[in-house]
Structure formats: structure tokens, C-alpha cells
């Protein structure tokens, strides 16, 4: 038999260290996409976009996030805390929406800076939960992402608007201040320092 609290702690720790470990690669991937955007006119359709190394880093973060979110939802269900109070409901909804959208993003070959920047910032939020200023930077990136996704060529590509749903849904998490890393820091300050 296993202890739900121990498994939840292990999952939270996994998500924290995954975010911390991918922090620099995600930052470089996002900066690469921002500073060297794809010349979209060169490709006749979305399916012709290349799959870059930066996209592979973003996929790694997406896949580990999906694993962590699925396990977290299962643990919340098993412990009866899936929808027990206000923030828990929002957090559960975020996980469900994020899982659907993460699955869609895995079908997209090229992820633009509009998607990469907020995702890399999400890793910063989890790694450095005590830095409140990062929340505002994250929200600014979400606003910039919304603007970019509604510009050419993305405004005619529905899959990219789905990525935007995940990004804006993740911003809702800030209201409950429960972004994975925050839970770990509160529980194990002695370990983190």
C-alpha cells in the first residue's frame, strides 16, 4: 500500500526539479524563437513548418507536465480534494484544460515565441515561487502571446489558438497562488535551503 501524501510530495518534487532542470534550456529555446522567428512565407502550409531543437525542449517540458498533471489529478481524486474548495476547483480545471491543450500542442511541429515565452516563464514561477514580480512578467507575456497569436499567419491556424487557451488558462492559476513549486517550498523550506 502507498501513502497518497508521499506520492503527491514525490510528484510535486518531480515537477519542481523538472522545471528547475529545464529552466535554462527553456529560456534559450524561448529567446531563440523570439530573436530568430521562422520565416513563415517560406513555407506553403503549417504542416511544412520545421521541427526545431527549441521545439524539442518545449515538448520535453510539455510531456513531463502532462505526466505530473495526470498524476496530480489522480491523487486529488483519490484523496477527495479534486473540487473541495474554491482554489481547488480552479486548479483542477486548469489541469484538465492544460492536459487537453498540451496534447494538441504535441501535434504542432513549430511552436512560436508566443507559446515558448509563457511556457519558459511558467518554469520560472515554479522554480522561484517567492519572487512575486515574476507573476507580473508572466501576465505580460500572456498578453503578448494573445496579441501574436491573432496576427498573421497564426490567426488562420486553429491549433495555435488552442495553445493560447493553455497559456491564458495557466494565468488563472496565479489567482490561487498554487503553481506546483509554491506547494513544495511551503512544505520543505528546510530541504530547499
Protein backbone atom coordinates (compact mmCIF):
# COMPACT_ATOMS: atom_id res chain seq x y z
CA UNK A 1 0.00 0.00 0.00
CA UNK A 2 1.24 3.51 -0.70
CA UNK A 3 0.72 6.75 1.14
CA UNK A 4 -1.08 9.37 -1.02
CA UNK A 5 0.70 12.24 0.71
CA UNK A 6 4.11 10.73 -0.07
CA UNK A 7 3.22 10.13 -3.72
CA UNK A 8 1.85 13.69 -4.02
CA UNK A 9 5.03 15.03 -2.45
CA UNK A 10 7.14 12.98 -4.88
CA UNK A 11 5.07 14.24 -7.84
CA UNK A 12 5.35 17.88 -6.68
CA UNK A 13 9.09 17.42 -6.20
CA UNK A 14 9.40 15.85 -9.66
CA UNK A 15 7.57 18.82 -11.25
CA UNK A 16 9.68 21.32 -9.30
CA UNK A 17 13.01 19.74 -10.28
CA UNK A 18 11.90 19.18 -13.86
CA UNK A 19 11.03 22.89 -14.13
CA UNK A 20 14.29 23.89 -12.46
CA UNK A 21 16.31 21.50 -14.63
CA UNK A 22 14.74 22.72 -17.86
CA UNK A 23 14.86 26.38 -16.86
CA UNK A 24 17.93 27.32 -18.92
CA UNK A 25 17.04 25.16 -21.95
CA UNK A 26 13.50 26.61 -21.94
CA UNK A 27 14.89 30.14 -21.65
CA UNK A 28 17.28 29.59 -24.55
CA UNK A 29 14.52 27.99 -26.64
CA UNK A 30 12.17 30.90 -25.99
CA UNK A 31 14.86 33.52 -26.69
CA UNK A 32 15.87 31.71 -29.89
CA UNK A 33 12.26 31.78 -31.09
CA UNK A 34 11.89 35.43 -30.14
CA UNK A 35 15.12 36.63 -31.74
CA UNK A 36 15.12 34.30 -34.76
CA UNK A 37 11.49 33.79 -35.74
CA UNK A 38 10.57 31.45 -38.54
CA UNK A 39 10.12 33.00 -41.98
CA UNK A 40 6.54 31.76 -42.40
CA UNK A 41 6.27 32.95 -46.02
CA UNK A 42 8.89 30.38 -46.94
CA UNK A 43 6.53 27.50 -46.08
CA UNK A 44 3.32 26.84 -48.05
CA UNK A 45 1.40 25.39 -45.10
CA UNK A 46 1.53 24.77 -41.37
CA UNK A 47 2.46 21.12 -41.92
CA UNK A 48 5.64 22.26 -43.71
CA UNK A 49 6.97 24.18 -40.68
CA UNK A 50 10.20 22.64 -39.38
CA UNK A 51 10.58 20.87 -36.04
CA UNK A 52 13.48 22.68 -34.33
CA UNK A 53 15.66 21.78 -31.34
CA UNK A 54 13.86 24.53 -29.41
CA UNK A 55 10.56 22.77 -30.17
CA UNK A 56 12.00 19.54 -28.76
CA UNK A 57 12.85 21.30 -25.48
CA UNK A 58 9.31 22.66 -25.28
CA UNK A 59 7.95 19.17 -25.99
CA UNK A 60 10.04 17.71 -23.17
CA UNK A 61 8.51 20.23 -20.76
CA UNK A 62 5.04 19.52 -22.14
CA UNK A 63 5.36 15.75 -21.76
CA UNK A 64 6.71 15.94 -18.21
CA UNK A 65 3.97 18.45 -17.37
CA UNK A 66 1.31 16.10 -18.71
CA UNK A 67 2.68 13.24 -16.61
CA UNK A 68 2.73 15.40 -13.48
CA UNK A 69 -0.74 16.85 -14.09
CA UNK A 70 -2.33 13.43 -14.70
CA UNK A 71 -0.76 12.00 -11.56
CA UNK A 72 -1.79 15.11 -9.57
CA UNK A 73 -5.41 14.80 -10.75
CA UNK A 74 -5.47 11.09 -9.85
CA UNK A 75 -4.06 11.84 -6.40
CA UNK A 76 -6.54 14.67 -5.83
CA UNK A 77 -9.37 12.34 -6.83
CA UNK A 78 -8.13 9.52 -4.59
CA UNK A 79 -7.78 11.87 -1.61
CA UNK A 80 -11.16 13.54 -2.21
CA UNK A 81 -9.65 17.00 -2.79
CA UNK A 82 -10.38 17.30 -6.52
CA UNK A 83 -13.02 20.01 -6.01
CA UNK A 84 -13.20 20.54 -2.25
CA UNK A 85 -12.85 24.35 -2.16
CA UNK A 86 -12.59 27.46 -4.37
CA UNK A 87 -8.96 27.31 -5.47
CA UNK A 88 -9.04 23.54 -5.71
CA UNK A 89 -11.81 23.78 -8.32
CA UNK A 90 -9.82 26.32 -10.34
CA UNK A 91 -6.65 24.29 -10.05
CA UNK A 92 -8.44 21.13 -11.19
CA UNK A 93 -9.97 22.97 -14.16
CA UNK A 94 -6.55 24.34 -15.07
CA UNK A 95 -5.10 20.81 -15.07
CA UNK A 96 -7.93 19.41 -17.20
CA UNK A 97 -7.80 22.23 -19.77
CA UNK A 98 -4.00 22.17 -19.79
CA UNK A 99 -3.91 18.43 -20.46
CA UNK A 100 -6.21 18.76 -23.47
CA UNK A 101 -4.26 21.69 -24.87
CA UNK A 102 -0.87 20.12 -24.15
CA UNK A 103 -1.99 17.12 -26.19
CA UNK A 104 -2.90 19.44 -29.08
CA UNK A 105 0.44 21.25 -28.89
CA UNK A 106 2.26 17.95 -29.34
CA UNK A 107 0.66 17.75 -32.80
CA UNK A 108 2.12 21.13 -33.79
CA UNK A 109 5.60 20.98 -35.30
CA UNK A 110 6.68 24.58 -34.77
CA UNK A 111 5.81 26.50 -31.60
CA UNK A 112 6.26 30.28 -31.95
CA UNK A 113 7.70 32.66 -29.36
CA UNK A 114 4.12 33.49 -28.32
CA UNK A 115 3.87 29.98 -26.89
CA UNK A 116 7.51 29.48 -25.86
CA UNK A 117 7.87 32.63 -23.77
CA UNK A 118 4.98 32.00 -21.33
CA UNK A 119 5.94 28.33 -21.02
CA UNK A 120 9.51 29.22 -20.07
CA UNK A 121 8.14 31.79 -17.62
CA UNK A 122 5.93 29.07 -16.09
CA UNK A 123 9.14 27.20 -15.21
CA UNK A 124 10.46 30.36 -13.51
CA UNK A 125 7.25 30.68 -11.49
CA UNK A 126 7.58 27.12 -10.25
CA UNK A 127 11.32 27.37 -9.57
CA UNK A 128 11.20 30.78 -7.86
CA UNK A 129 7.74 30.99 -6.25
CA UNK A 130 8.80 33.58 -3.69
CA UNK A 131 9.56 36.20 -6.40
CA UNK A 132 6.17 37.88 -6.80
CA UNK A 133 7.41 40.13 -9.63
CA UNK A 134 7.60 37.07 -11.88
CA UNK A 135 3.78 36.85 -11.79
CA UNK A 136 3.55 40.26 -13.50
CA UNK A 137 6.19 39.36 -16.08
CA UNK A 138 4.26 36.17 -16.77
CA UNK A 139 0.99 38.05 -17.26
CA UNK A 140 2.74 40.48 -19.62
CA UNK A 141 4.00 37.52 -21.65
CA UNK A 142 0.49 36.07 -21.77
CA UNK A 143 -0.81 39.42 -23.10
CA UNK A 144 1.96 39.49 -25.72
CA UNK A 145 1.13 35.89 -26.67
CA UNK A 146 -2.52 36.76 -27.17
CA UNK A 147 -1.52 39.59 -29.48
CA UNK A 148 0.94 37.48 -31.51
CA UNK A 149 -1.41 34.53 -31.97
CA UNK A 150 -4.01 36.84 -33.50
CA UNK A 151 -1.52 38.11 -36.10
CA UNK A 152 -0.62 36.52 -39.44
CA UNK A 153 -0.11 33.66 -40.08
CA UNK A 154 -1.40 32.20 -36.78
CA UNK A 155 -4.82 33.79 -36.79
CA UNK A 156 -5.80 31.37 -39.56
CA UNK A 157 -4.43 28.30 -37.75
CA UNK A 158 -6.84 26.95 -35.09
CA UNK A 159 -4.26 24.72 -33.40
CA UNK A 160 -2.25 27.79 -32.42
CA UNK A 161 -5.27 29.42 -30.79
CA UNK A 162 -5.57 26.25 -28.69
CA UNK A 163 -2.02 26.86 -27.42
CA UNK A 164 -3.22 30.29 -26.42
CA UNK A 165 -6.04 28.76 -24.39
CA UNK A 166 -3.48 26.88 -22.32
CA UNK A 167 -1.38 30.00 -21.82
CA UNK A 168 -4.31 32.15 -20.69
CA UNK A 169 -5.73 29.33 -18.57
CA UNK A 170 -2.37 28.98 -16.84
CA UNK A 171 -2.58 32.67 -15.94
CA UNK A 172 -5.75 31.88 -13.99
CA UNK A 173 -3.60 29.74 -11.70
CA UNK A 174 -1.96 32.89 -10.39
CA UNK A 175 -5.18 33.81 -8.60
CA UNK A 176 -4.89 30.81 -6.30
CA UNK A 177 -1.11 31.02 -5.96
CA UNK A 178 -0.71 27.26 -6.31
CA UNK A 179 1.72 26.67 -9.15
CA UNK A 180 3.33 23.43 -8.05
CA UNK A 181 6.55 24.90 -6.72
CA UNK A 182 4.71 27.05 -4.21
CA UNK A 183 3.34 23.91 -2.55
CA UNK A 184 6.80 22.38 -2.28
CA UNK A 185 8.52 25.49 -0.93
CA UNK A 186 5.94 25.81 1.85
CA UNK A 187 6.35 22.14 2.80
CA UNK A 188 10.09 21.76 2.60
CA UNK A 189 11.86 25.04 3.27
CA UNK A 190 14.42 23.11 5.27
CA UNK A 191 15.25 20.99 2.21
CA UNK A 192 15.33 23.76 -0.37
CA UNK A 193 17.81 25.96 1.53
